Amino acid sequence: MKKLFEKFLKKLEQANKENFGNAKLDCCDLNKKGNNIHNKKQ
């Protein structure tokens, strides 16, 4: 079970690096970026 969880965390880490790069994963910063994307579409 431990190996399975470690494998999951490694995949999650890789996906985060691909999506966010080296940016902070601060919820306030992400929310602001998300709102800017939605506002541009309108």
N, C-alpha and C. Protein backbone atom coordinates (compact mmCIF):
# COMPACT_ATOMS: atom_id res chain seq x y z
N MET A 1 0.82 -1.20 0.00
CA MET A 1 0.00 0.00 0.00
C MET A 1 0.87 1.26 0.00
N LYS A 2 1.96 1.20 0.76
CA LYS A 2 2.84 2.37 0.84
C LYS A 2 3.45 2.69 -0.52
N LYS A 3 3.87 1.67 -1.25
CA LYS A 3 4.47 1.87 -2.58
C LYS A 3 3.45 2.48 -3.54
N LEU A 4 2.21 2.04 -3.46
CA LEU A 4 1.16 2.56 -4.31
C LEU A 4 0.93 4.05 -4.05
N PHE A 5 0.91 4.42 -2.78
CA PHE A 5 0.73 5.82 -2.39
C PHE A 5 1.91 6.68 -2.84
N GLU A 6 3.12 6.17 -2.68
CA GLU A 6 4.31 6.89 -3.13
C GLU A 6 4.29 7.10 -4.64
N LYS A 7 3.86 6.09 -5.38
CA LYS A 7 3.76 6.19 -6.84
C LYS A 7 2.73 7.25 -7.22
N PHE A 8 1.60 7.27 -6.51
CA PHE A 8 0.57 8.28 -6.74
C PHE A 8 1.11 9.68 -6.50
N LEU A 9 1.84 9.87 -5.41
CA LEU A 9 2.41 11.19 -5.09
C LEU A 9 3.42 11.64 -6.14
N LYS A 10 4.22 10.73 -6.64
CA LYS A 10 5.19 11.07 -7.68
C LYS A 10 4.47 11.52 -8.96
N LYS A 11 3.40 10.82 -9.33
CA LYS A 11 2.64 11.20 -10.52
C LYS A 11 1.97 12.55 -10.32
N LEU A 12 1.46 12.80 -9.12
CA LEU A 12 0.84 14.08 -8.81
C LEU A 12 1.87 15.21 -8.86
N GLU A 13 3.04 14.97 -8.34
CA GLU A 13 4.12 15.95 -8.38
C GLU A 13 4.48 16.28 -9.82
N GLN A 14 4.61 15.28 -10.67
CA GLN A 14 4.95 15.50 -12.07
C GLN A 14 3.87 16.29 -12.78
N ALA A 15 2.61 15.95 -12.53
CA ALA A 15 1.49 16.67 -13.16
C ALA A 15 1.48 18.13 -12.73
N ASN A 16 1.75 18.39 -11.47
CA ASN A 16 1.79 19.77 -10.98
C ASN A 16 2.92 20.55 -11.63
N LYS A 17 4.06 19.93 -11.80
CA LYS A 17 5.18 20.60 -12.45
C LYS A 17 4.83 20.95 -13.89
N GLU A 18 4.15 20.05 -14.59
CA GLU A 18 3.77 20.30 -15.98
C GLU A 18 2.74 21.42 -16.07
N ASN A 19 1.79 21.46 -15.14
CA ASN A 19 0.71 22.45 -15.19
C ASN A 19 1.10 23.81 -14.62
N PHE A 20 1.88 23.82 -13.56
CA PHE A 20 2.16 25.06 -12.86
C PHE A 20 3.62 25.49 -12.93
N GLY A 21 4.48 24.66 -13.42
CA GLY A 21 5.91 24.99 -13.46
C GLY A 21 6.45 25.17 -12.07
N ASN A 22 7.20 26.22 -11.86
CA ASN A 22 7.77 26.50 -10.54
C ASN A 22 6.96 27.54 -9.78
N ALA A 23 5.75 27.82 -10.24
CA ALA A 23 4.90 28.82 -9.58
C ALA A 23 4.44 28.31 -8.21
N LYS A 24 4.15 29.26 -7.33
CA LYS A 24 3.61 28.90 -6.03
C LYS A 24 2.22 28.31 -6.22
N LEU A 25 1.87 27.37 -5.39
CA LEU A 25 0.53 26.80 -5.41
C LEU A 25 -0.29 27.42 -4.29
N ASP A 26 -0.25 28.73 -4.23
CA ASP A 26 -1.00 29.49 -3.24
C ASP A 26 -2.44 29.63 -3.72
N CYS A 27 -3.40 29.29 -2.88
CA CYS A 27 -4.80 29.31 -3.31
C CYS A 27 -5.25 30.71 -3.74
N CYS A 28 -4.76 31.73 -3.11
CA CYS A 28 -5.16 33.10 -3.48
C CYS A 28 -4.62 33.46 -4.87
N ASP A 29 -3.35 33.12 -5.13
CA ASP A 29 -2.76 33.40 -6.44
C ASP A 29 -3.47 32.61 -7.53
N LEU A 30 -3.76 31.34 -7.27
CA LEU A 30 -4.43 30.51 -8.26
C LEU A 30 -5.84 31.02 -8.53
N ASN A 31 -6.51 31.48 -7.50
CA ASN A 31 -7.86 32.01 -7.66
C ASN A 31 -7.84 33.26 -8.53
N LYS A 32 -6.87 34.14 -8.30
CA LYS A 32 -6.76 35.36 -9.10
C LYS A 32 -6.51 35.03 -10.56
N LYS A 33 -5.62 34.08 -10.81
CA LYS A 33 -5.32 33.67 -12.19
C LYS A 33 -6.56 33.07 -12.84
N GLY A 34 -7.29 32.26 -12.08
CA GLY A 34 -8.50 31.63 -12.60
C GLY A 34 -9.56 32.66 -12.93
N ASN A 35 -9.70 33.68 -12.10
CA ASN A 35 -10.68 34.74 -12.36
C ASN A 35 -10.29 35.56 -13.58
N ASN A 36 -9.01 35.80 -13.77
CA ASN A 36 -8.56 36.55 -14.95
C ASN A 36 -8.89 35.80 -16.23
N ILE A 37 -8.73 34.50 -16.23
CA ILE A 37 -9.05 33.69 -17.41
C ILE A 37 -10.54 33.78 -17.72
N HIS A 38 -11.37 33.68 -16.69
CA HIS A 38 -12.82 33.73 -16.89
C HIS A 38 -13.27 35.12 -17.33
N ASN A 39 -12.64 36.15 -16.83
CA ASN A 39 -13.02 37.51 -17.20
C ASN A 39 -12.65 37.82 -18.65
N LYS A 40 -11.57 37.27 -19.14
CA LYS A 40 -11.14 37.52 -20.51
C LYS A 40 -12.09 36.87 -21.51
N LYS A 41 -12.72 35.75 -21.13
CA LYS A 41 -13.62 35.04 -22.03
C LYS A 41 -14.93 35.77 -22.23
N GLN A 42 -15.33 36.61 -21.26
CA GLN A 42 -16.64 37.25 -21.31
C GLN A 42 -16.67 38.38 -22.25
